[in-house]
Protein backbone atom coordinates (compact mmCIF):
# COMPACT_ATOMS: atom_id res chain seq x y z
CA UNK A 1 0.19 -8.19 1.84
CA UNK A 2 -1.23 -7.60 5.43
CA UNK A 3 -1.06 -3.63 6.81
CA UNK A 4 1.77 -4.66 9.50
CA UNK A 5 3.80 -6.31 6.92
CA UNK A 6 3.97 -3.08 4.36
CA UNK A 7 3.89 -0.82 7.18
CA UNK A 8 7.63 -2.06 7.58
CA UNK A 9 8.50 -2.85 4.58
CA UNK A 10 7.39 0.88 3.14
CA UNK A 11 8.33 2.75 6.09
CA UNK A 12 10.90 0.75 9.33
CA UNK A 13 8.45 0.80 11.77
CA UNK A 14 7.14 -2.45 13.97
CA UNK A 15 3.96 -1.20 15.16
CA UNK A 16 0.92 1.80 14.36
CA UNK A 17 0.40 4.56 16.60
CA UNK A 18 -3.59 5.06 18.00
CA UNK A 19 -6.07 4.63 15.46
CA UNK A 20 -3.75 4.25 12.75
CA UNK A 21 -4.45 1.04 11.77
CA UNK A 22 -8.18 1.83 11.95
CA UNK A 23 -7.67 4.12 9.50
CA UNK A 24 -5.68 2.15 7.32
CA UNK A 25 -7.63 -0.23 6.40
CA UNK A 26 -10.91 1.64 6.45
CA UNK A 27 -9.22 3.18 3.30
CA UNK A 28 -8.03 -0.14 1.64
CA UNK A 29 -11.62 -1.13 2.14
CA UNK A 30 -13.29 1.59 0.32
CA UNK A 31 -14.29 3.22 2.62
CA UNK A 32 -14.84 7.38 3.08
CA UNK A 33 -12.97 8.17 6.00
CA UNK A 34 -13.04 10.93 9.11
CA UNK A 35 -9.07 11.58 10.55
CA UNK A 36 -9.36 13.56 13.14
CA UNK A 37 -5.07 13.16 15.48
CA UNK A 38 -3.23 15.54 17.21
CA UNK A 39 -0.22 17.53 15.55
CA UNK A 40 2.41 15.14 15.34
CA UNK A 41 0.52 11.81 15.26
CA UNK A 42 0.82 10.63 11.86
CA UNK A 43 -2.37 11.47 10.10
CA UNK A 44 0.02 11.57 7.48
CA UNK A 45 0.73 7.88 7.35
CA UNK A 46 -3.15 6.82 7.15
CA UNK A 47 -3.68 7.68 3.81
CA UNK A 48 0.54 7.38 2.25
CA UNK A 49 -0.32 4.27 3.98
CA UNK A 50 -2.49 2.52 2.00
CA UNK A 51 -1.97 4.33 -1.10
CA UNK A 52 1.14 2.69 -1.48
CA UNK A 53 -0.52 -0.34 -0.62
CA UNK A 54 -3.65 0.17 -3.34
CA UNK A 55 -3.65 -0.96 -7.14
CA UNK A 56 -4.50 3.14 -8.27
CA UNK A 57 -4.18 6.19 -7.75
CA UNK A 58 -4.62 8.60 -4.60
CA UNK A 59 -5.26 11.73 -4.99
CA UNK A 60 -4.18 14.04 -1.89
CA UNK A 61 -5.23 18.09 -1.45
CA UNK A 62 -2.77 19.95 -0.23
CA UNK A 63 -3.39 23.28 0.80
CA UNK A 64 -0.07 24.55 1.12
CA UNK A 65 2.75 24.23 -1.90
CA UNK A 66 5.37 23.96 1.53
CA UNK A 67 3.49 20.92 2.88
CA UNK A 68 3.35 19.00 0.09
CA UNK A 69 6.69 19.39 -1.23
CA UNK A 70 7.26 18.06 2.83
CA UNK A 71 5.89 15.30 2.20
CA UNK A 72 7.08 14.15 -1.38
CA UNK A 73 10.90 14.66 -1.10
CA UNK A 74 10.24 12.60 2.91
CA UNK A 75 7.93 10.13 0.69
CA UNK A 76 10.72 9.50 -2.21
CA UNK A 77 12.93 8.54 -0.37
CA UNK A 78 10.50 5.03 0.40
CA UNK A 79 9.28 4.69 -2.68
CA UNK A 80 10.92 6.41 -5.29
CA UNK A 81 9.32 7.69 -8.19
CA UNK A 82 6.44 6.37 -6.94
CA UNK A 83 4.85 9.99 -6.15
CA UNK A 84 4.34 13.42 -8.00
CA UNK A 85 2.59 17.07 -7.31
CA UNK A 86 1.44 20.07 -9.07
CA UNK A 87 1.83 22.89 -8.15
CA UNK A 88 2.26 26.85 -8.91
CA UNK A 89 5.98 26.88 -8.26
CA UNK A 90 6.47 24.24 -10.29
CA UNK A 91 6.56 25.23 -14.18
CA UNK A 92 3.70 24.18 -16.72
CA UNK A 93 5.81 21.26 -18.36
CA UNK A 94 7.00 20.51 -15.04
CA UNK A 95 3.37 20.08 -14.03
CA UNK A 96 2.19 18.78 -17.67
CA UNK A 97 5.06 15.65 -17.02
CA UNK A 98 3.04 15.19 -12.94
CA UNK A 99 -0.73 15.22 -14.75
CA UNK A 100 1.17 12.34 -17.04
CA UNK A 101 2.41 10.13 -14.47
CA UNK A 102 -1.10 9.82 -12.83
CA UNK A 103 -3.17 9.15 -15.30
CA UNK A 104 -0.88 6.45 -16.59
CA UNK A 105 -0.92 4.52 -13.67
CA UNK A 106 3.16 5.19 -12.91
CA UNK A 107 2.80 7.35 -9.65
CA UNK A 108 0.85 5.96 -7.02
CA UNK A 109 0.37 9.70 -5.37
CA UNK A 110 -0.25 12.97 -6.54
CA UNK A 111 -0.50 16.08 -4.43
CA UNK A 112 -2.30 18.82 -5.80
CA UNK A 113 -3.98 22.23 -4.04
CA UNK A 114 -7.12 22.95 -3.42
CA UNK A 115 -7.76 25.80 -6.63
CA UNK A 116 -6.65 23.11 -9.12
CA UNK A 117 -9.53 21.62 -9.58
CA UNK A 118 -10.44 24.36 -10.77
CA UNK A 119 -8.38 24.66 -13.20
CA UNK A 120 -9.88 22.67 -17.17
CA UNK A 121 -7.05 21.61 -18.33
CA UNK A 122 -6.17 20.17 -14.98
CA UNK A 123 -9.42 17.72 -14.99
CA UNK A 124 -9.39 16.66 -18.65
CA UNK A 125 -5.68 15.48 -18.15
CA UNK A 126 -6.40 14.11 -14.19
CA UNK A 127 -9.74 12.12 -15.66
CA UNK A 128 -7.54 8.99 -17.37
CA UNK A 129 -6.79 8.34 -13.75
CA UNK A 130 -8.20 5.30 -12.41
CA UNK A 131 -8.23 7.56 -9.25
CA UNK A 132 -9.05 5.22 -6.18
CA UNK A 133 -8.51 7.71 -3.04
CA UNK A 134 -9.30 11.33 -3.22
CA UNK A 135 -8.22 12.68 0.16
CA UNK A 136 -8.81 15.82 1.75
CA UNK A 137 -5.88 17.47 4.28
CA UNK A 138 -6.37 20.04 6.77
CA UNK A 139 -10.11 19.37 6.28
CA UNK A 140 -11.34 21.45 9.05
CA UNK A 141 -10.36 24.33 5.71
CA UNK A 142 -13.88 23.04 4.19
CA UNK A 143 -15.78 24.57 7.28
CA UNK A 144 -17.05 27.23 8.09
CA UNK A 145 -16.55 26.74 11.54
CA UNK A 146 -13.09 25.82 11.02
CA UNK A 147 -10.70 28.25 12.09
CA UNK A 148 -9.27 28.76 8.66
CA UNK A 149 -11.62 28.55 6.25
CA UNK A 150 -10.88 28.50 2.11
CA UNK A 151 -13.91 28.55 -0.25
CA UNK A 152 -11.73 26.13 -2.88
CA UNK A 153 -11.99 23.18 -0.75
CA UNK A 154 -15.73 24.01 -1.45
CA UNK A 155 -15.59 22.15 -4.93
CA UNK A 156 -13.38 18.73 -3.32
CA UNK A 157 -16.91 17.03 -2.68
CA UNK A 158 -18.02 17.48 -6.79
CA UNK A 159 -14.81 17.19 -7.86
CA UNK A 160 -13.46 13.38 -5.99
CA UNK A 161 -16.57 12.15 -7.24
CA UNK A 162 -17.19 13.55 -10.83
CA UNK A 163 -13.20 11.78 -10.69
CA UNK A 164 -14.48 8.57 -9.48
CA UNK A 165 -13.15 8.28 -6.52
CA UNK A 166 -13.44 4.86 -4.45
CA UNK A 167 -12.91 7.12 -0.72
CA UNK A 168 -12.73 9.48 0.55
CA UNK A 169 -9.98 10.40 3.78
CA UNK A 170 -10.70 13.56 5.36
CA UNK A 171 -7.72 13.88 7.91
CA UNK A 172 -7.11 16.93 10.48
CA UNK A 173 -5.70 18.31 13.61
CA UNK A 174 -8.78 20.13 14.39
CA UNK A 175 -12.44 19.74 14.91
CA UNK A 176 -14.63 20.48 16.99
CA UNK A 177 -17.39 18.31 17.01
CA UNK A 178 -19.23 21.24 14.58
CA UNK A 179 -15.60 21.17 12.62
CA UNK A 180 -16.06 17.53 12.32
CA UNK A 181 -20.22 16.90 11.07
CA UNK A 182 -19.93 20.15 8.68
CA UNK A 183 -16.64 18.08 7.48
CA UNK A 184 -18.39 14.97 7.20
CA UNK A 185 -21.29 16.88 5.37
CA UNK A 186 -18.87 19.58 2.85
CA UNK A 187 -17.53 16.84 2.12
CA UNK A 188 -20.33 14.44 1.49
CA UNK A 189 -18.73 11.48 3.52
CA UNK A 190 -20.90 8.03 3.00
CA UNK A 191 -21.07 6.69 6.47
CA UNK A 192 -17.70 7.50 7.06
CA UNK A 193 -15.29 5.75 9.47
CA UNK A 194 -14.19 8.19 12.60
CA UNK A 195 -11.80 7.77 13.78
CA UNK A 196 -10.58 10.01 16.69
CA UNK A 197 -8.15 9.72 18.85
CA UNK A 198 -8.02 13.34 21.15
CA UNK A 199 -6.04 15.66 21.64
CA UNK A 200 -3.89 15.56 24.25
CA UNK A 201 -0.22 15.61 23.88
CA UNK A 202 1.55 14.12 27.19
CA UNK A 203 5.04 15.69 25.74
CA UNK A 204 3.93 19.78 26.03
CA UNK A 205 4.17 21.36 28.23
CA UNK A 206 1.40 24.95 28.19
CA UNK A 207 1.60 28.08 30.31
CA UNK A 208 0.04 32.06 30.22
CA UNK A 209 1.93 34.31 31.13
CA UNK A 210 0.16 37.15 32.27
CA UNK A 211 1.32 41.30 30.94
CA UNK A 212 0.64 44.72 31.77
CA UNK A 213 2.01 46.10 28.67
CA UNK A 214 3.51 44.76 25.33
CA UNK A 215 7.89 46.47 26.04
CA UNK A 216 6.95 43.20 29.13
CA UNK A 217 5.91 41.13 26.75
CA UNK A 218 9.23 41.04 24.47
CA UNK A 219 11.43 41.20 27.90
CA UNK A 220 9.43 37.56 29.11
CA UNK A 221 9.73 36.13 25.85
CA UNK A 222 13.75 36.78 25.70
CA UNK A 223 13.68 35.13 29.09
CA UNK A 224 11.56 32.42 27.99
CA UNK A 225 14.15 31.25 24.82
CA UNK A 226 17.66 33.72 26.41
CA UNK A 227 18.51 29.28 27.54
CA UNK A 228 19.68 27.29 24.25
CA UNK A 229 17.52 24.49 25.12
CA UNK A 230 14.18 26.36 24.50
CA UNK A 231 15.25 26.59 20.67
CA UNK A 232 14.89 26.31 18.23
CA UNK A 233 11.69 28.10 18.68
CA UNK A 234 8.23 29.90 17.42
CA UNK A 235 6.96 32.32 18.02
CA UNK A 236 3.71 34.17 16.72
CA UNK A 237 2.63 37.74 17.05
CA UNK A 238 -0.49 39.64 16.22
CA UNK A 239 -0.22 41.52 13.24
CA UNK A 240 3.13 42.09 9.73
CA UNK A 241 4.36 45.32 12.32
CA UNK A 242 4.61 43.53 14.94
CA UNK A 243 6.33 40.08 14.20
CA UNK A 244 8.89 43.26 12.97
CA UNK A 245 9.65 45.29 15.81
CA UNK A 246 8.73 41.80 18.40
CA UNK A 247 12.39 39.63 16.18
CA UNK A 248 13.94 43.06 15.99
CA UNK A 249 14.02 43.44 19.96
CA UNK A 250 14.93 39.23 20.43
CA UNK A 251 17.84 39.46 18.00
CA UNK A 252 20.41 41.76 20.14
CA UNK A 253 18.30 40.46 23.20
CA UNK A 254 19.44 36.44 22.50
CA UNK A 255 21.98 37.45 21.17
CA UNK A 256 20.73 34.68 17.69
CA UNK A 257 19.65 36.12 15.14
CA UNK A 258 16.04 35.95 14.58
CA UNK A 259 13.44 35.87 11.63
CA UNK A 260 11.27 37.23 11.02
CA UNK A 261 8.16 36.31 8.71
CA UNK A 262 4.56 37.37 7.98
CA UNK A 263 2.23 37.55 4.14
CA UNK A 264 3.29 40.92 3.47
CA UNK A 265 7.62 39.64 2.51
CA UNK A 266 7.60 38.25 -1.31
CA UNK A 267 7.40 34.73 -1.80
CA UNK A 268 10.62 34.26 -2.12
CA UNK A 269 11.86 36.05 1.37
CA UNK A 270 9.12 34.03 3.16
CA UNK A 271 10.70 30.41 1.16
CA UNK A 272 13.84 31.22 2.58
CA UNK A 273 13.41 32.63 6.13
CA UNK A 274 11.73 28.75 6.27
CA UNK A 275 14.22 27.09 4.20
CA UNK A 276 16.76 29.19 7.25
CA UNK A 277 14.57 28.06 10.72
CA UNK A 278 13.21 24.25 8.58
CA UNK A 279 17.32 23.41 8.30
CA UNK A 280 18.52 25.26 11.85
CA UNK A 281 20.80 27.08 10.42
CA UNK A 282 18.76 30.50 12.36
CA UNK A 283 16.91 28.88 14.99
CA UNK A 284 13.63 32.07 16.80
CA UNK A 285 11.47 32.86 13.56
CA UNK A 286 8.62 35.52 14.57
CA UNK A 287 5.73 35.26 12.39
CA UNK A 288 2.25 36.08 11.58
CA UNK A 289 -0.19 32.98 11.29
CA UNK A 290 0.94 33.43 7.55
CA UNK A 291 3.61 31.19 8.90
CA UNK A 292 1.45 28.27 9.14
CA UNK A 293 0.38 23.85 8.03
CA UNK A 294 3.54 23.97 5.90
CA UNK A 295 5.03 23.53 9.05
CA UNK A 296 6.61 20.47 10.13
CA UNK A 297 9.71 20.51 11.87
CA UNK A 298 9.92 17.56 14.84
CA UNK A 299 12.50 19.69 16.77
CA UNK A 300 10.71 22.61 17.60
CA UNK A 301 11.07 23.35 21.49
CA UNK A 302 8.69 26.02 22.74
CA UNK A 303 6.32 27.74 21.07
CA UNK A 304 5.65 31.38 22.21
CA UNK A 305 2.61 33.74 21.37
CA UNK A 306 2.47 36.98 22.23
CA UNK A 307 -0.74 37.74 21.63
CA UNK A 308 -3.89 35.41 21.57
CA UNK A 309 -4.81 33.91 19.40
CA UNK A 310 -8.93 34.37 17.30
CA UNK A 311 -10.09 31.14 18.23
CA UNK A 312 -8.70 27.60 20.93
CA UNK A 313 -8.79 25.57 17.45
CA UNK A 314 -5.69 28.29 16.01
CA UNK A 315 -4.20 28.18 18.69
CA UNK A 316 -4.00 24.38 19.74
CA UNK A 317 -2.13 24.47 16.34
CA UNK A 318 -0.20 26.74 16.36
CA UNK A 319 1.00 25.43 19.81
CA UNK A 320 1.02 21.61 17.94
CA UNK A 321 4.32 22.69 16.15
CA UNK A 322 6.02 22.45 18.56
CA UNK A 323 7.72 18.62 20.13
CA UNK A 324 6.29 16.83 17.39
CA UNK A 325 10.15 14.31 17.85
CA UNK A 326 7.69 13.48 20.70
CA UNK A 327 10.17 15.11 23.54
CA UNK A 328 9.50 17.60 25.61
CA UNK A 329 8.11 21.31 24.79
CA UNK A 330 7.39 23.65 26.11
CA UNK A 331 4.06 26.56 25.00
CA UNK A 332 3.48 29.93 26.12
CA UNK A 333 0.72 31.84 25.98
CA UNK A 334 1.51 36.04 26.62
CA UNK A 335 -1.48 37.52 28.11
CA UNK A 336 -2.35 41.22 27.93
CA UNK A 337 -6.29 42.77 28.56
CA UNK A 338 -5.23 44.74 25.66
CA UNK A 339 -5.39 41.64 23.48
CA UNK A 340 -9.35 41.75 23.59
CA UNK A 341 -8.40 45.37 21.17
CA UNK A 342 -6.68 43.11 18.75
CA UNK A 343 -9.86 40.60 17.45
CA UNK A 344 -12.62 43.07 17.59
CA UNK A 345 -10.20 45.19 15.01
CA UNK A 346 -10.15 41.98 13.03
CA UNK A 347 -14.00 41.32 13.35
CA UNK A 348 -14.67 44.97 12.06
CA UNK A 349 -12.40 44.89 9.19
CA UNK A 350 -14.04 41.76 8.44
CA UNK A 351 -17.29 43.46 8.15
CA UNK A 352 -19.23 44.13 4.89
CA UNK A 353 -22.22 45.74 3.98
CA UNK A 354 -25.22 44.92 2.20
CA UNK A 355 -24.23 46.80 -1.41
CA UNK A 356 -20.39 44.72 -1.97
CA UNK A 357 -22.17 41.67 -1.06
CA UNK A 358 -25.34 42.07 -3.52
CA UNK A 359 -21.41 42.95 -5.44
CA UNK A 360 -19.81 40.13 -4.85
CA UNK A 361 -22.59 37.98 -5.39
CA UNK A 362 -23.58 39.57 -9.01
CA UNK A 363 -20.18 38.84 -9.81
CA UNK A 364 -20.89 34.56 -9.03
CA UNK A 365 -23.53 34.52 -10.72
CA UNK A 366 -22.21 35.77 -13.63
CA UNK A 367 -19.45 33.36 -13.94
CA UNK A 368 -21.68 30.75 -12.89
CA UNK A 369 -22.57 27.40 -14.86
CA UNK A 370 -24.34 25.20 -14.30
CA UNK A 371 -23.60 25.83 -10.15
CA UNK A 372 -20.08 25.81 -10.56
CA UNK A 373 -17.63 29.77 -10.36
CA UNK A 374 -13.88 29.59 -12.05
CA UNK A 375 -12.49 32.62 -10.40
CA UNK A 376 -10.33 33.57 -8.41
CA UNK A 377 -9.93 35.25 -5.04
CA UNK A 378 -8.44 38.08 -6.59
CA UNK A 379 -11.54 38.27 -9.07
CA UNK A 380 -14.03 39.34 -6.00
CA UNK A 381 -11.25 41.13 -4.72
CA UNK A 382 -11.84 43.85 -7.39
CA UNK A 383 -14.99 44.64 -6.60
CA UNK A 384 -14.29 47.05 -3.65
CA UNK A 385 -13.01 44.66 -1.11
CA UNK A 386 -9.98 43.24 0.80
CA UNK A 387 -9.60 39.02 0.16
CA UNK A 388 -10.56 38.76 4.70
CA UNK A 389 -13.79 40.67 3.80
CA UNK A 390 -13.79 38.40 0.42
CA UNK A 391 -13.81 35.17 2.23
CA UNK A 392 -16.30 36.92 4.76
CA UNK A 393 -18.56 36.77 1.87
CA UNK A 394 -18.48 33.39 0.40
CA UNK A 395 -18.62 32.01 3.66
CA UNK A 396 -22.23 33.84 4.13
CA UNK A 397 -23.41 33.01 0.63
CA UNK A 398 -22.65 29.11 0.85
CA UNK A 399 -23.82 28.56 4.86
CA UNK A 400 -27.43 30.71 2.70
CA UNK A 401 -27.28 28.26 -0.35
CA UNK A 402 -26.76 25.26 1.63
CA UNK A 403 -29.39 26.56 4.06
CA UNK A 404 -32.01 26.83 0.87
CA UNK A 405 -31.21 23.89 -0.11
CA UNK A 406 -31.80 22.11 2.54
CA UNK A 407 -35.24 23.88 3.33
CA UNK A 408 -36.26 22.38 -0.15
CA UNK A 409 -35.56 18.75 0.61
CA UNK A 410 -37.22 19.16 3.94
CA UNK A 411 -40.07 20.81 2.26
CA UNK A 412 -40.30 24.10 4.31
CA UNK A 413 -40.09 26.76 2.41
CA UNK A 414 -37.39 30.20 1.67
CA UNK A 415 -39.36 32.29 4.61
CA UNK A 416 -39.71 30.55 7.50
């Protein structure tokens, strides 16, 4: 079947958006592919449609349970019974059943979290599957230069080749040229088809609002969100305490319920807050960047930043959660001079000394099996450092290892 006919049959669309058809045809041809499209441009269709057209299994690696749940539910409506998922919020029997459906060919698409590839039981169960496409969603997470680097992504290239995948499809909305190059290298993409449609979101209006004090920020944010047409809205704050204080300030000012969302809340509380916002029960949520990649609410009209994000890529990703329905939406950045101090604080917190790095390296070496590592972040944080520091250390060790491998291949000595 022609991709255009399949697009109409499965999704009811009359035509492709820019870049989609090229990516779909590359995936159908078994070509490694790097897809860089702006938020809301239809990246997921670039692998979902070929997955439904191919006779083999497509594995989609997705970093957040909420993100994969949303996509699985949407696919169930267009292709009932052909999609499954494995994640930590399902019980063991449900995950085992999903693996069996994928391995037997009953399911065409299997969504999994990246940490599953450190599980021997999962790998053994899925090895019998005929894997065609191995999709790495939010692929910037594989890059140490990306704004949301995750060490779990390091093992994905090996997992794809071990499973015998015909092609790897890497998909992201935020990839600078440096990050894109790193994605290709980290995932060992072979002569990839590169589909890049640019980052322009013409329906979004961006504005920077200078403020002298935090209190002024809060007043101005309340003014922006006071009009019902400005909601639903997401307000990003820089710290957990900041989300609580801003939510408390906005609720009486707006006269509507305002939720706080951050990683310090229980998993159940976060899930409930996200559910209420996604269903429209609550129109305003104040969050840290923990309210991230799983947020795919089409009708968000406003995104406000109470503080300056850590990178331009992070800002684009977060601001891009507005206006995914293509209708006009706004992104406001409320900036004051002291915002720089927050970033200095996080940079200082991520600094580690040589002794701590050696302890983590020794722990990794002790658990190494033929160059692979099977241990969780919790085991590394037990070495005496916070998770942010663990990520910094693993990133440093990964870069050092890659540098040594490149030098050996080019015949240079390690000390050169």
